[in-house]
Amino acid sequence: MSQHLISLTLSDNDLADIDAALKTLEDRFAGFLVLTPEERRTILKMGDKTEAFCRQTLTVATQNTHAIPPGLDVIEAQADLVTLDKLRPRLHRLRDLLSRGEDTDMALGSDIYSFSLDAYASLKIAGKGAGLETLRQAMSVRFNRGAKAKTQATQPAG
């Protein structure tokens, strides 16, 4: 019996609403930075321990602006921290939505694959007599690749 992890139907209105919400997000994210792989590799990264250090340093620097060189912009660093604190909960929600979307994508694909395996097994048995040989042969391509590779690997080199 085929698995059935999810049953989901998206109406045209559902899709239009999702598309409109995504368009709004894309518009709002237009000013967000896109790092190159090299930049991602080399940029300083603030982990949990580093974040505590940064917050504490920013607090002390704010209380002692006279000790901070003019080239270090305390106000900009404070603004960055405020923005970070506002952004993170939204990014967490986005990650949760993305995870749900990816899990749903995986479950739908898995349901389809499970059905297809069960249908393929049935067609292998009944396919020849039911006039489904062409479909059965097309489906068998999925499973014959390993056998073909093994056959070629065991043949002596010419």
N, C-alpha and C. Protein backbone atom coordinates (compact mmCIF):
# COMPACT_ATOMS: atom_id res chain seq x y z
N MET A 1 0.85 -1.19 0.00
CA MET A 1 0.00 0.00 0.00
C MET A 1 0.89 1.24 0.00
N SER A 2 0.51 2.18 -0.79
CA SER A 2 1.27 3.41 -0.97
C SER A 2 1.19 4.29 0.28
N GLN A 3 2.26 4.98 0.57
CA GLN A 3 2.24 5.92 1.69
C GLN A 3 1.44 7.15 1.32
N HIS A 4 1.01 7.89 2.32
CA HIS A 4 0.27 9.13 2.07
C HIS A 4 0.61 10.10 3.20
N LEU A 5 1.74 10.80 3.05
CA LEU A 5 2.20 11.72 4.10
C LEU A 5 1.40 13.01 4.14
N ILE A 6 0.93 13.47 2.99
CA ILE A 6 0.28 14.78 2.94
C ILE A 6 -0.77 14.81 1.84
N SER A 7 -1.81 15.56 2.10
CA SER A 7 -2.79 15.88 1.08
C SER A 7 -2.96 17.39 1.12
N LEU A 8 -2.57 18.04 0.06
CA LEU A 8 -2.56 19.50 0.03
C LEU A 8 -3.06 19.95 -1.33
N THR A 9 -4.00 20.87 -1.31
CA THR A 9 -4.49 21.47 -2.53
C THR A 9 -4.32 22.97 -2.42
N LEU A 10 -3.71 23.57 -3.39
CA LEU A 10 -3.53 25.02 -3.42
C LEU A 10 -4.42 25.60 -4.51
N SER A 11 -5.35 26.43 -4.10
CA SER A 11 -6.25 27.07 -5.06
C SER A 11 -5.50 28.18 -5.79
N ASP A 12 -6.10 28.67 -6.85
CA ASP A 12 -5.51 29.80 -7.57
C ASP A 12 -5.40 31.02 -6.63
N ASN A 13 -6.40 31.20 -5.76
CA ASN A 13 -6.36 32.31 -4.79
C ASN A 13 -5.23 32.12 -3.79
N ASP A 14 -5.04 30.87 -3.32
CA ASP A 14 -3.93 30.58 -2.39
C ASP A 14 -2.60 30.95 -3.04
N LEU A 15 -2.43 30.52 -4.28
CA LEU A 15 -1.17 30.79 -4.98
C LEU A 15 -0.99 32.28 -5.24
N ALA A 16 -2.06 32.97 -5.57
CA ALA A 16 -1.98 34.42 -5.78
C ALA A 16 -1.59 35.13 -4.48
N ASP A 17 -2.16 34.69 -3.35
CA ASP A 17 -1.81 35.28 -2.06
C ASP A 17 -0.36 35.02 -1.70
N ILE A 18 0.09 33.79 -1.93
CA ILE A 18 1.49 33.45 -1.65
C ILE A 18 2.42 34.28 -2.54
N ASP A 19 2.08 34.37 -3.82
CA ASP A 19 2.90 35.16 -4.75
C ASP A 19 2.95 36.62 -4.34
N ALA A 20 1.80 37.17 -3.91
CA ALA A 20 1.77 38.58 -3.47
C ALA A 20 2.61 38.78 -2.22
N ALA A 21 2.54 37.83 -1.28
CA ALA A 21 3.35 37.93 -0.07
C ALA A 21 4.83 37.83 -0.41
N LEU A 22 5.18 36.93 -1.32
CA LEU A 22 6.58 36.80 -1.73
C LEU A 22 7.06 38.06 -2.43
N LYS A 23 6.21 38.65 -3.26
CA LYS A 23 6.58 39.89 -3.95
C LYS A 23 6.83 41.00 -2.93
N THR A 24 6.00 41.08 -1.92
CA THR A 24 6.21 42.07 -0.86
C THR A 24 7.54 41.83 -0.16
N LEU A 25 7.83 40.57 0.17
CA LEU A 25 9.11 40.25 0.81
C LEU A 25 10.28 40.59 -0.11
N GLU A 26 10.17 40.25 -1.38
CA GLU A 26 11.24 40.56 -2.33
C GLU A 26 11.46 42.07 -2.41
N ASP A 27 10.39 42.83 -2.41
CA ASP A 27 10.51 44.28 -2.44
C ASP A 27 11.20 44.80 -1.18
N ARG A 28 10.82 44.28 -0.04
CA ARG A 28 11.39 44.73 1.23
C ARG A 28 12.84 44.29 1.41
N PHE A 29 13.18 43.17 0.80
CA PHE A 29 14.54 42.63 0.92
C PHE A 29 15.47 43.19 -0.16
N ALA A 30 14.96 44.06 -1.01
CA ALA A 30 15.76 44.58 -2.13
C ALA A 30 17.06 45.23 -1.66
N GLY A 31 17.05 45.88 -0.52
CA GLY A 31 18.25 46.54 -0.02
C GLY A 31 19.18 45.63 0.77
N PHE A 32 18.81 44.39 0.94
CA PHE A 32 19.64 43.45 1.71
C PHE A 32 20.86 43.06 0.89
N LEU A 33 21.91 42.74 1.59
CA LEU A 33 23.20 42.43 0.99
C LEU A 33 23.22 41.01 0.43
N VAL A 34 23.92 40.84 -0.68
CA VAL A 34 24.21 39.52 -1.23
C VAL A 34 25.73 39.37 -1.25
N LEU A 35 26.23 38.45 -0.46
CA LEU A 35 27.68 38.22 -0.39
C LEU A 35 28.12 37.21 -1.44
N THR A 36 29.30 37.40 -1.96
CA THR A 36 29.89 36.41 -2.86
C THR A 36 30.40 35.25 -2.00
N PRO A 37 30.63 34.10 -2.60
CA PRO A 37 31.20 32.99 -1.84
C PRO A 37 32.53 33.37 -1.16
N GLU A 38 33.36 34.14 -1.86
CA GLU A 38 34.64 34.58 -1.28
C GLU A 38 34.40 35.48 -0.06
N GLU A 39 33.45 36.40 -0.19
CA GLU A 39 33.13 37.28 0.95
C GLU A 39 32.60 36.47 2.12
N ARG A 40 31.75 35.50 1.85
CA ARG A 40 31.21 34.65 2.92
C ARG A 40 32.34 33.90 3.64
N ARG A 41 33.34 33.49 2.87
CA ARG A 41 34.44 32.73 3.44
C ARG A 41 35.33 33.61 4.30
N THR A 42 35.55 34.86 3.88
CA THR A 42 36.57 35.69 4.54
C THR A 42 36.01 36.71 5.54
N ILE A 43 34.72 36.95 5.53
CA ILE A 43 34.14 37.98 6.39
C ILE A 43 34.22 37.55 7.87
N LEU A 44 34.37 38.51 8.75
CA LEU A 44 34.31 38.22 10.18
C LEU A 44 32.90 37.76 10.52
N LYS A 45 32.79 36.71 11.30
CA LYS A 45 31.48 36.16 11.65
C LYS A 45 31.24 36.28 13.15
N MET A 46 30.03 36.69 13.50
CA MET A 46 29.68 36.88 14.90
C MET A 46 28.85 35.70 15.38
N GLY A 47 29.49 34.79 16.11
CA GLY A 47 28.78 33.68 16.73
C GLY A 47 28.25 34.08 18.09
N ASP A 48 27.74 33.12 18.83
CA ASP A 48 27.14 33.42 20.13
C ASP A 48 28.12 34.06 21.12
N LYS A 49 29.30 33.47 21.25
CA LYS A 49 30.29 34.02 22.19
C LYS A 49 30.77 35.39 21.73
N THR A 50 30.99 35.52 20.42
CA THR A 50 31.43 36.80 19.87
C THR A 50 30.34 37.85 20.03
N GLU A 51 29.10 37.45 19.90
CA GLU A 51 28.00 38.40 20.05
C GLU A 51 27.96 38.98 21.46
N ALA A 52 28.16 38.15 22.46
CA ALA A 52 28.18 38.65 23.83
C ALA A 52 29.32 39.66 24.01
N PHE A 53 30.48 39.34 23.46
CA PHE A 53 31.61 40.27 23.50
C PHE A 53 31.27 41.59 22.82
N CYS A 54 30.67 41.50 21.64
CA CYS A 54 30.33 42.70 20.86
C CYS A 54 29.32 43.57 21.60
N ARG A 55 28.31 42.95 22.17
CA ARG A 55 27.29 43.70 22.91
C ARG A 55 27.91 44.42 24.11
N GLN A 56 28.74 43.69 24.81
CA GLN A 56 29.39 44.29 25.99
C GLN A 56 30.33 45.42 25.57
N THR A 57 31.10 45.20 24.52
CA THR A 57 32.02 46.23 24.04
C THR A 57 31.26 47.46 23.57
N LEU A 58 30.15 47.26 22.88
CA LEU A 58 29.35 48.39 22.41
C LEU A 58 28.76 49.18 23.58
N THR A 59 28.34 48.49 24.61
CA THR A 59 27.82 49.17 25.81
C THR A 59 28.90 50.02 26.45
N VAL A 60 30.08 49.44 26.62
CA VAL A 60 31.19 50.17 27.24
C VAL A 60 31.63 51.32 26.34
N ALA A 61 31.69 51.08 25.03
CA ALA A 61 32.09 52.14 24.09
C ALA A 61 31.10 53.29 24.11
N THR A 62 29.82 52.98 24.22
CA THR A 62 28.78 54.02 24.27
C THR A 62 28.92 54.86 25.54
N GLN A 63 29.31 54.23 26.62
CA GLN A 63 29.47 54.94 27.89
C GLN A 63 30.79 55.71 27.95
N ASN A 64 31.70 55.39 27.05
CA ASN A 64 33.03 56.02 27.05
C ASN A 64 33.41 56.50 25.66
N THR A 65 32.55 57.27 25.04
CA THR A 65 32.79 57.73 23.67
C THR A 65 34.08 58.54 23.55
N HIS A 66 34.49 59.18 24.66
CA HIS A 66 35.71 59.97 24.63
C HIS A 66 36.96 59.11 24.40
N ALA A 67 36.86 57.81 24.69
CA ALA A 67 38.00 56.92 24.52
C ALA A 67 37.99 56.23 23.14
N ILE A 68 36.99 56.49 22.36
CA ILE A 68 36.86 55.85 21.04
C ILE A 68 37.37 56.82 19.98
N PRO A 69 38.27 56.36 19.10
CA PRO A 69 38.78 57.24 18.03
C PRO A 69 37.63 57.71 17.13
N PRO A 70 37.75 58.91 16.58
CA PRO A 70 36.69 59.46 15.73
C PRO A 70 36.35 58.59 14.52
N GLY A 71 37.27 57.79 14.05
CA GLY A 71 37.03 56.93 12.89
C GLY A 71 36.12 55.75 13.18
N LEU A 72 35.92 55.43 14.46
CA LEU A 72 35.02 54.33 14.83
C LEU A 72 33.64 54.93 15.12
N ASP A 73 32.66 54.57 14.32
CA ASP A 73 31.33 55.16 14.40
C ASP A 73 30.45 54.37 15.39
N VAL A 74 30.43 54.81 16.63
CA VAL A 74 29.65 54.16 17.68
C VAL A 74 28.16 54.20 17.34
N ILE A 75 27.69 55.32 16.84
CA ILE A 75 26.27 55.46 16.51
C ILE A 75 25.86 54.46 15.43
N GLU A 76 26.72 54.29 14.42
CA GLU A 76 26.43 53.32 13.35
C GLU A 76 26.42 51.90 13.91
N ALA A 77 27.36 51.58 14.78
CA ALA A 77 27.40 50.25 15.39
C ALA A 77 26.14 50.00 16.23
N GLN A 78 25.69 51.03 16.97
CA GLN A 78 24.45 50.90 17.75
C GLN A 78 23.26 50.66 16.82
N ALA A 79 23.19 51.40 15.72
CA ALA A 79 22.10 51.25 14.75
C ALA A 79 22.12 49.84 14.14
N ASP A 80 23.32 49.33 13.83
CA ASP A 80 23.45 47.97 13.30
C ASP A 80 22.90 46.95 14.29
N LEU A 81 23.21 47.14 15.56
CA LEU A 81 22.74 46.20 16.58
C LEU A 81 21.22 46.26 16.72
N VAL A 82 20.65 47.45 16.70
CA VAL A 82 19.20 47.59 16.78
C VAL A 82 18.54 46.90 15.59
N THR A 83 19.08 47.12 14.39
CA THR A 83 18.54 46.49 13.18
C THR A 83 18.66 44.98 13.26
N LEU A 84 19.80 44.50 13.71
CA LEU A 84 20.01 43.05 13.87
C LEU A 84 18.97 42.46 14.81
N ASP A 85 18.74 43.13 15.93
CA ASP A 85 17.76 42.63 16.91
C ASP A 85 16.33 42.65 16.36
N LYS A 86 16.02 43.59 15.50
CA LYS A 86 14.70 43.64 14.88
C LYS A 86 14.56 42.60 13.77
N LEU A 87 15.64 42.35 13.05
CA LEU A 87 15.61 41.46 11.89
C LEU A 87 15.58 39.98 12.28
N ARG A 88 16.32 39.61 13.28
CA ARG A 88 16.48 38.19 13.61
C ARG A 88 15.17 37.43 13.84
N PRO A 89 14.21 37.98 14.58
CA PRO A 89 12.96 37.21 14.75
C PRO A 89 12.24 36.96 13.41
N ARG A 90 12.34 37.91 12.51
CA ARG A 90 11.71 37.75 11.21
C ARG A 90 12.44 36.69 10.38
N LEU A 91 13.76 36.69 10.46
CA LEU A 91 14.52 35.67 9.74
C LEU A 91 14.23 34.28 10.30
N HIS A 92 14.04 34.20 11.61
CA HIS A 92 13.68 32.92 12.24
C HIS A 92 12.34 32.43 11.67
N ARG A 93 11.38 33.32 11.56
CA ARG A 93 10.08 32.96 11.00
C ARG A 93 10.22 32.53 9.54
N LEU A 94 11.05 33.25 8.78
CA LEU A 94 11.28 32.88 7.38
C LEU A 94 11.91 31.49 7.27
N ARG A 95 12.89 31.21 8.14
CA ARG A 95 13.52 29.89 8.13
C ARG A 95 12.50 28.80 8.45
N ASP A 96 11.61 29.07 9.42
CA ASP A 96 10.58 28.10 9.75
C ASP A 96 9.65 27.85 8.56
N LEU A 97 9.25 28.94 7.89
CA LEU A 97 8.39 28.78 6.71
C LEU A 97 9.11 28.02 5.60
N LEU A 98 10.37 28.36 5.37
CA LEU A 98 11.15 27.66 4.34
C LEU A 98 11.26 26.18 4.69
N SER A 99 11.52 25.87 5.95
CA SER A 99 11.63 24.48 6.38
C SER A 99 10.31 23.73 6.14
N ARG A 100 9.19 24.36 6.48
CA ARG A 100 7.89 23.74 6.25
C ARG A 100 7.66 23.54 4.75
N GLY A 101 8.02 24.53 3.95
CA GLY A 101 7.88 24.40 2.51
C GLY A 101 8.73 23.28 1.95
N GLU A 102 9.98 23.19 2.40
CA GLU A 102 10.87 22.13 1.93
C GLU A 102 10.39 20.76 2.39
N ASP A 103 9.90 20.66 3.64
CA ASP A 103 9.37 19.38 4.12
C ASP A 103 8.13 18.97 3.34
N THR A 104 7.27 19.93 3.01
CA THR A 104 6.08 19.65 2.21
C THR A 104 6.48 19.20 0.81
N ASP A 105 7.45 19.89 0.21
CA ASP A 105 7.98 19.50 -1.10
C ASP A 105 8.50 18.06 -1.05
N MET A 106 9.26 17.74 -0.01
CA MET A 106 9.82 16.40 0.13
C MET A 106 8.71 15.37 0.31
N ALA A 107 7.71 15.68 1.15
CA ALA A 107 6.63 14.73 1.41
C ALA A 107 5.80 14.50 0.15
N LEU A 108 5.48 15.56 -0.59
CA LEU A 108 4.73 15.39 -1.84
C LEU A 108 5.51 14.51 -2.82
N GLY A 109 6.79 14.80 -2.97
CA GLY A 109 7.63 13.99 -3.86
C GLY A 109 7.71 12.55 -3.40
N SER A 110 7.81 12.35 -2.09
CA SER A 110 7.89 11.00 -1.54
C SER A 110 6.59 10.23 -1.78
N ASP A 111 5.45 10.92 -1.58
CA ASP A 111 4.16 10.27 -1.86
C ASP A 111 4.06 9.86 -3.32
N ILE A 112 4.47 10.75 -4.21
CA ILE A 112 4.42 10.45 -5.65
C ILE A 112 5.35 9.29 -5.98
N TYR A 113 6.55 9.31 -5.41
CA TYR A 113 7.52 8.24 -5.67
C TYR A 113 7.01 6.90 -5.13
N SER A 114 6.45 6.92 -3.92
CA SER A 114 5.92 5.69 -3.33
C SER A 114 4.80 5.12 -4.20
N PHE A 115 3.88 5.99 -4.63
CA PHE A 115 2.82 5.55 -5.54
C PHE A 115 3.41 4.95 -6.80
N SER A 116 4.39 5.65 -7.37
CA SER A 116 4.98 5.20 -8.63
C SER A 116 5.65 3.85 -8.49
N LEU A 117 6.33 3.61 -7.38
CA LEU A 117 6.95 2.30 -7.15
C LEU A 117 5.89 1.20 -7.08
N ASP A 118 4.79 1.48 -6.34
CA ASP A 118 3.72 0.49 -6.24
C ASP A 118 3.06 0.26 -7.60
N ALA A 119 2.81 1.35 -8.34
CA ALA A 119 2.19 1.22 -9.66
C ALA A 119 3.13 0.49 -10.61
N TYR A 120 4.41 0.77 -10.55
CA TYR A 120 5.39 0.11 -11.41
C TYR A 120 5.40 -1.40 -11.14
N ALA A 121 5.38 -1.77 -9.85
CA ALA A 121 5.36 -3.19 -9.50
C ALA A 121 4.12 -3.87 -10.07
N SER A 122 2.98 -3.20 -9.98
CA SER A 122 1.74 -3.75 -10.53
C SER A 122 1.82 -3.86 -12.05
N LEU A 123 2.36 -2.83 -12.68
CA LEU A 123 2.46 -2.83 -14.14
C LEU A 123 3.45 -3.88 -14.64
N LYS A 124 4.50 -4.16 -13.86
CA LYS A 124 5.44 -5.20 -14.26
C LYS A 124 4.73 -6.54 -14.36
N ILE A 125 3.79 -6.75 -13.44
CA ILE A 125 3.06 -8.02 -13.42
C ILE A 125 1.99 -8.04 -14.51
N ALA A 126 1.20 -6.98 -14.58
CA ALA A 126 0.05 -6.96 -15.48
C ALA A 126 0.33 -6.23 -16.78
N GLY A 127 1.42 -5.55 -16.88
CA GLY A 127 1.68 -4.66 -18.02
C GLY A 127 1.67 -5.33 -19.36
N LYS A 128 2.24 -6.53 -19.46
CA LYS A 128 2.34 -7.18 -20.76
C LYS A 128 0.96 -7.53 -21.31
N GLY A 129 0.10 -8.00 -20.44
CA GLY A 129 -1.24 -8.40 -20.88
C GLY A 129 -2.20 -7.24 -20.99
N ALA A 130 -1.88 -6.11 -20.39
CA ALA A 130 -2.82 -4.98 -20.39
C ALA A 130 -2.48 -3.94 -21.45
N GLY A 131 -1.57 -4.25 -22.36
CA GLY A 131 -1.21 -3.30 -23.41
C GLY A 131 -0.42 -2.12 -22.88
N LEU A 132 0.28 -2.28 -21.79
CA LEU A 132 1.03 -1.19 -21.17
C LEU A 132 2.53 -1.38 -21.30
N GLU A 133 2.95 -2.19 -22.24
CA GLU A 133 4.38 -2.50 -22.38
C GLU A 133 5.22 -1.26 -22.62
N THR A 134 4.74 -0.35 -23.45
CA THR A 134 5.50 0.88 -23.75
C THR A 134 5.71 1.69 -22.48
N LEU A 135 4.65 1.86 -21.69
CA LEU A 135 4.75 2.60 -20.43
C LEU A 135 5.67 1.88 -19.46
N ARG A 136 5.53 0.56 -19.37
CA ARG A 136 6.37 -0.22 -18.47
C ARG A 136 7.84 -0.09 -18.85
N GLN A 137 8.13 -0.10 -20.14
CA GLN A 137 9.51 0.03 -20.60
C GLN A 137 10.06 1.42 -20.28
N ALA A 138 9.24 2.45 -20.46
CA ALA A 138 9.68 3.80 -20.13
C ALA A 138 9.96 3.92 -18.64
N MET A 139 9.12 3.28 -17.83
CA MET A 139 9.33 3.34 -16.38
C MET A 139 10.56 2.53 -15.97
N SER A 140 10.87 1.46 -16.71
CA SER A 140 11.99 0.61 -16.33
C SER A 140 13.33 1.29 -16.52
N VAL A 141 13.37 2.37 -17.32
CA VAL A 141 14.62 3.11 -17.51
C VAL A 141 15.16 3.56 -16.15
N ARG A 142 14.29 3.92 -15.25
CA ARG A 142 14.68 4.39 -13.90
C ARG A 142 15.49 3.33 -13.18
N PHE A 143 15.16 2.05 -13.43
CA PHE A 143 15.77 0.97 -12.67
C PHE A 143 16.85 0.22 -13.44
N ASN A 144 16.96 0.40 -14.72
CA ASN A 144 17.93 -0.33 -15.53
C ASN A 144 19.30 0.31 -15.58
N ARG A 145 19.44 1.50 -15.10
CA ARG A 145 20.74 2.18 -15.18
C ARG A 145 21.82 1.44 -14.43
N GLY A 146 21.52 0.95 -13.23
CA GLY A 146 22.50 0.22 -12.44
C GLY A 146 22.91 -1.08 -13.12
N ALA A 147 21.94 -1.79 -13.69
CA ALA A 147 22.23 -3.05 -14.37
C ALA A 147 23.10 -2.81 -15.59
N LYS A 148 22.82 -1.75 -16.33
CA LYS A 148 23.60 -1.42 -17.53
C LYS A 148 25.04 -1.09 -17.14
N ALA A 149 25.22 -0.33 -16.08
CA ALA A 149 26.56 0.05 -15.63
C ALA A 149 27.34 -1.17 -15.16
N LYS A 150 26.65 -2.10 -14.47
CA LYS A 150 27.33 -3.31 -14.01
C LYS A 150 27.75 -4.18 -15.19
N THR A 151 26.88 -4.28 -16.20
CA THR A 151 27.18 -5.08 -17.38
C THR A 151 28.40 -4.52 -18.10
N GLN A 152 28.43 -3.20 -18.26
CA GLN A 152 29.55 -2.55 -18.94
C GLN A 152 30.83 -2.70 -18.13
N ALA A 153 30.74 -2.66 -16.82
CA ALA A 153 31.92 -2.75 -15.97
C ALA A 153 32.53 -4.15 -16.00
N THR A 154 31.68 -5.19 -16.20
CA THR A 154 32.21 -6.56 -16.19
C THR A 154 32.70 -7.01 -17.55
N GLN A 155 32.39 -6.27 -18.61
CA GLN A 155 32.89 -6.63 -19.93
C GLN A 155 34.36 -6.32 -20.04
N PRO A 156 35.14 -7.23 -20.65
CA PRO A 156 36.58 -6.97 -20.79
C PRO A 156 36.83 -5.80 -21.73
N ALA A 157 37.86 -5.05 -21.44
CA ALA A 157 38.24 -3.90 -22.28
C ALA A 157 38.74 -4.41 -23.61
N GLY A 158 38.30 -3.73 -24.71
CA GLY A 158 38.64 -4.15 -26.06
C GLY A 158 39.98 -3.75 -26.42
